[in-house]
Amino acid sequence: MKPENIYKKDNVQYDVDKLNQEAKDLFAAMLTAQGKLREAEINAMISRAALMKLHDEISTHLTDDAIFNPDQLELLDSDSIGNK
C-alpha cells in the first residue's frame, strides 16, 4: 500500500507518517505554504485580467480635453518664476 504523505528529496521518497512529529508538522506547513502560494498565483492572474479590462474600460472615457502635456506645465512654471 502506498503511503498517504510522501516527501521527495534527491530522488528519494520518504513516508512522512514514519517521521517524527516535528517533521510531520514541517511537512504540513509546507503543504499549507504550497496551497497559499498557488492561491496567490491565481489571485495575481485574476488581478492582471481585471486590470487589463479596467484599462480597456477607461479608454472609452478618455477625451482630448483631458490630455495633459507636461511641457505646458514647465512653461507655466518658467513664466511664474519671472513674475515674482
N, C-alpha and C. Protein backbone atom coordinates (compact mmCIF):
# COMPACT_ATOMS: atom_id res chain seq x y z
N MET A 1 0.85 -1.19 0.00
CA MET A 1 0.00 0.00 0.00
C MET A 1 0.89 1.25 0.00
N LYS A 2 0.56 2.20 -0.87
CA LYS A 2 1.34 3.43 -0.99
C LYS A 2 1.04 4.37 0.17
N PRO A 3 2.08 4.96 0.76
CA PRO A 3 1.85 5.92 1.86
C PRO A 3 1.02 7.12 1.39
N GLU A 4 0.28 7.70 2.33
CA GLU A 4 -0.58 8.84 2.01
C GLU A 4 0.24 10.11 1.78
N ASN A 5 1.25 10.32 2.61
CA ASN A 5 2.07 11.53 2.53
C ASN A 5 3.50 11.15 2.20
N ILE A 6 3.94 11.59 1.02
CA ILE A 6 5.30 11.27 0.58
C ILE A 6 6.06 12.58 0.37
N TYR A 7 7.27 12.63 0.93
CA TYR A 7 8.16 13.77 0.70
C TYR A 7 9.31 13.26 -0.14
N LYS A 8 9.61 13.96 -1.23
CA LYS A 8 10.67 13.54 -2.14
C LYS A 8 11.82 14.52 -2.08
N LYS A 9 13.02 13.99 -1.90
CA LYS A 9 14.22 14.83 -1.89
C LYS A 9 15.37 14.03 -2.50
N ASP A 10 16.03 14.63 -3.45
CA ASP A 10 17.18 13.99 -4.11
C ASP A 10 16.81 12.61 -4.65
N ASN A 11 15.67 12.53 -5.30
CA ASN A 11 15.18 11.29 -5.91
C ASN A 11 14.93 10.16 -4.91
N VAL A 12 14.79 10.50 -3.64
CA VAL A 12 14.45 9.52 -2.60
C VAL A 12 13.09 9.92 -2.05
N GLN A 13 12.20 8.93 -1.91
CA GLN A 13 10.87 9.19 -1.37
C GLN A 13 10.80 8.75 0.09
N TYR A 14 10.19 9.62 0.91
CA TYR A 14 10.07 9.35 2.34
C TYR A 14 8.60 9.28 2.73
N ASP A 15 8.26 8.30 3.53
CA ASP A 15 6.92 8.17 4.09
C ASP A 15 6.85 9.10 5.28
N VAL A 16 6.15 10.20 5.14
CA VAL A 16 6.09 11.23 6.18
C VAL A 16 5.51 10.68 7.48
N ASP A 17 4.58 9.75 7.37
CA ASP A 17 3.95 9.19 8.57
C ASP A 17 4.93 8.42 9.45
N LYS A 18 6.08 8.05 8.89
CA LYS A 18 7.09 7.34 9.66
C LYS A 18 8.15 8.28 10.25
N LEU A 19 8.03 9.56 9.96
CA LEU A 19 8.96 10.55 10.51
C LEU A 19 8.48 11.01 11.88
N ASN A 20 9.35 11.73 12.60
CA ASN A 20 8.95 12.23 13.92
C ASN A 20 7.93 13.35 13.79
N GLN A 21 7.35 13.76 14.91
CA GLN A 21 6.26 14.73 14.90
C GLN A 21 6.69 16.08 14.34
N GLU A 22 7.91 16.50 14.66
CA GLU A 22 8.38 17.79 14.14
C GLU A 22 8.44 17.76 12.61
N ALA A 23 8.91 16.66 12.05
CA ALA A 23 8.97 16.53 10.59
C ALA A 23 7.56 16.51 10.00
N LYS A 24 6.64 15.84 10.66
CA LYS A 24 5.24 15.83 10.19
C LYS A 24 4.66 17.23 10.20
N ASP A 25 4.96 17.99 11.25
CA ASP A 25 4.47 19.37 11.34
C ASP A 25 5.09 20.24 10.24
N LEU A 26 6.38 20.04 9.98
CA LEU A 26 7.04 20.80 8.92
C LEU A 26 6.43 20.45 7.56
N PHE A 27 6.14 19.19 7.33
CA PHE A 27 5.53 18.76 6.08
C PHE A 27 4.14 19.40 5.92
N ALA A 28 3.38 19.41 7.00
CA ALA A 28 2.05 20.03 6.96
C ALA A 28 2.17 21.52 6.65
N ALA A 29 3.16 22.17 7.25
CA ALA A 29 3.38 23.60 6.98
C ALA A 29 3.76 23.82 5.52
N MET A 30 4.57 22.90 4.98
CA MET A 30 4.95 23.01 3.57
C MET A 30 3.73 22.89 2.66
N LEU A 31 2.84 21.96 2.98
CA LEU A 31 1.62 21.80 2.18
C LEU A 31 0.76 23.05 2.25
N THR A 32 0.66 23.64 3.45
CA THR A 32 -0.12 24.87 3.62
C THR A 32 0.50 26.01 2.81
N ALA A 33 1.83 26.15 2.91
CA ALA A 33 2.52 27.20 2.17
C ALA A 33 2.35 27.01 0.66
N GLN A 34 2.44 25.77 0.21
CA GLN A 34 2.27 25.48 -1.21
C GLN A 34 0.86 25.86 -1.68
N GLY A 35 -0.14 25.57 -0.86
CA GLY A 35 -1.51 25.92 -1.19
C GLY A 35 -1.71 27.43 -1.25
N LYS A 36 -1.10 28.13 -0.28
CA LYS A 36 -1.23 29.60 -0.27
C LYS A 36 -0.51 30.22 -1.45
N LEU A 37 0.63 29.65 -1.83
CA LEU A 37 1.36 30.16 -2.99
C LEU A 37 0.52 29.99 -4.25
N ARG A 38 -0.11 28.83 -4.40
CA ARG A 38 -0.96 28.59 -5.56
C ARG A 38 -2.14 29.56 -5.58
N GLU A 39 -2.72 29.80 -4.40
CA GLU A 39 -3.83 30.76 -4.30
C GLU A 39 -3.36 32.17 -4.68
N ALA A 40 -2.16 32.55 -4.25
CA ALA A 40 -1.62 33.87 -4.59
C ALA A 40 -1.38 33.98 -6.09
N GLU A 41 -0.90 32.91 -6.71
CA GLU A 41 -0.68 32.92 -8.16
C GLU A 41 -2.01 33.10 -8.90
N ILE A 42 -3.04 32.42 -8.43
CA ILE A 42 -4.36 32.55 -9.05
C ILE A 42 -4.90 33.97 -8.86
N ASN A 43 -4.74 34.53 -7.66
CA ASN A 43 -5.19 35.90 -7.39
C ASN A 43 -4.44 36.90 -8.26
N ALA A 44 -3.14 36.68 -8.46
CA ALA A 44 -2.37 37.58 -9.32
C ALA A 44 -2.87 37.51 -10.76
N MET A 45 -3.18 36.30 -11.22
CA MET A 45 -3.69 36.13 -12.58
C MET A 45 -5.04 36.84 -12.73
N ILE A 46 -5.90 36.70 -11.74
CA ILE A 46 -7.21 37.36 -11.77
C ILE A 46 -7.03 38.88 -11.74
N SER A 47 -6.12 39.36 -10.92
CA SER A 47 -5.87 40.81 -10.82
C SER A 47 -5.33 41.36 -12.14
N ARG A 48 -4.43 40.62 -12.79
CA ARG A 48 -3.91 41.07 -14.08
C ARG A 48 -5.03 41.16 -15.12
N ALA A 49 -5.89 40.16 -15.14
CA ALA A 49 -7.00 40.17 -16.10
C ALA A 49 -7.95 41.33 -15.81
N ALA A 50 -8.23 41.56 -14.53
CA ALA A 50 -9.12 42.67 -14.15
C ALA A 50 -8.49 44.01 -14.54
N LEU A 51 -7.20 44.15 -14.31
CA LEU A 51 -6.52 45.40 -14.64
C LEU A 51 -6.55 45.66 -16.14
N MET A 52 -6.36 44.62 -16.94
CA MET A 52 -6.44 44.78 -18.39
C MET A 52 -7.83 45.24 -18.80
N LYS A 53 -8.85 44.65 -18.21
CA LYS A 53 -10.23 45.03 -18.52
C LYS A 53 -10.51 46.48 -18.11
N LEU A 54 -10.01 46.87 -16.94
CA LEU A 54 -10.20 48.25 -16.47
C LEU A 54 -9.50 49.24 -17.39
N HIS A 55 -8.30 48.90 -17.88
CA HIS A 55 -7.62 49.77 -18.85
C HIS A 55 -8.48 49.92 -20.11
N ASP A 56 -9.07 48.82 -20.57
CA ASP A 56 -9.94 48.89 -21.75
C ASP A 56 -11.15 49.78 -21.48
N GLU A 57 -11.74 49.63 -20.31
CA GLU A 57 -12.95 50.39 -19.98
C GLU A 57 -12.67 51.88 -19.84
N ILE A 58 -11.56 52.24 -19.19
CA ILE A 58 -11.28 53.68 -19.01
C ILE A 58 -10.97 54.33 -20.35
N SER A 59 -10.43 53.55 -21.28
CA SER A 59 -10.11 54.10 -22.60
C SER A 59 -11.34 54.67 -23.30
N THR A 60 -12.49 54.12 -23.01
CA THR A 60 -13.72 54.61 -23.65
C THR A 60 -14.14 55.97 -23.10
N HIS A 61 -13.54 56.41 -22.00
CA HIS A 61 -13.91 57.67 -21.36
C HIS A 61 -12.87 58.77 -21.57
N LEU A 62 -11.76 58.46 -22.22
CA LEU A 62 -10.71 59.46 -22.42
C LEU A 62 -11.11 60.45 -23.50
N THR A 63 -10.88 61.72 -23.22
CA THR A 63 -11.24 62.77 -24.18
C THR A 63 -10.03 63.66 -24.45
N ASP A 64 -10.06 64.35 -25.57
CA ASP A 64 -8.98 65.28 -25.90
C ASP A 64 -8.87 66.39 -24.87
N ASP A 65 -9.99 66.79 -24.30
CA ASP A 65 -9.99 67.87 -23.30
C ASP A 65 -9.18 67.49 -22.05
N ALA A 66 -9.03 66.20 -21.80
CA ALA A 66 -8.34 65.76 -20.60
C ALA A 66 -6.86 65.47 -20.83
N ILE A 67 -6.37 65.68 -22.05
CA ILE A 67 -4.96 65.42 -22.34
C ILE A 67 -4.09 66.40 -21.57
N PHE A 68 -3.10 65.87 -20.87
CA PHE A 68 -2.17 66.69 -20.10
C PHE A 68 -0.83 66.68 -20.82
N ASN A 69 -0.28 67.85 -21.03
CA ASN A 69 1.01 67.99 -21.69
C ASN A 69 2.00 68.55 -20.66
N PRO A 70 2.94 67.74 -20.19
CA PRO A 70 3.88 68.21 -19.17
C PRO A 70 4.74 69.38 -19.65
N ASP A 71 4.96 69.50 -20.95
CA ASP A 71 5.75 70.62 -21.46
C ASP A 71 5.06 71.94 -21.17
N GLN A 72 3.73 71.97 -21.22
CA GLN A 72 3.00 73.20 -20.91
C GLN A 72 3.19 73.57 -19.44
N LEU A 73 3.29 72.60 -18.56
CA LEU A 73 3.49 72.87 -17.14
C LEU A 73 4.85 73.52 -16.93
N GLU A 74 5.87 73.05 -17.63
CA GLU A 74 7.19 73.65 -17.50
C GLU A 74 7.18 75.10 -17.96
N LEU A 75 6.44 75.40 -19.02
CA LEU A 75 6.34 76.78 -19.50
C LEU A 75 5.63 77.65 -18.46
N LEU A 76 4.58 77.12 -17.85
CA LEU A 76 3.87 77.88 -16.82
C LEU A 76 4.77 78.15 -15.63
N ASP A 77 5.55 77.17 -15.21
CA ASP A 77 6.46 77.34 -14.09
C ASP A 77 7.50 78.40 -14.40
N SER A 78 8.04 78.39 -15.62
CA SER A 78 9.04 79.38 -16.02
C SER A 78 8.44 80.78 -16.00
N ASP A 79 7.21 80.93 -16.49
CA ASP A 79 6.55 82.22 -16.52
C ASP A 79 6.31 82.73 -15.11
N SER A 80 5.89 81.87 -14.22
CA SER A 80 5.56 82.32 -12.88
C SER A 80 6.81 82.70 -12.10
N ILE A 81 7.96 82.10 -12.41
CA ILE A 81 9.20 82.48 -11.74
C ILE A 81 9.58 83.90 -12.14
N GLY A 82 9.40 84.24 -13.40
CA GLY A 82 9.74 85.57 -13.88
C GLY A 82 8.80 86.64 -13.34
N ASN A 83 7.60 86.27 -12.90
CA ASN A 83 6.63 87.24 -12.42
C ASN A 83 6.76 87.53 -10.93
N LYS A 84 7.62 86.82 -10.24
CA LYS A 84 7.69 87.01 -8.79
C LYS A 84 8.48 88.21 -8.42
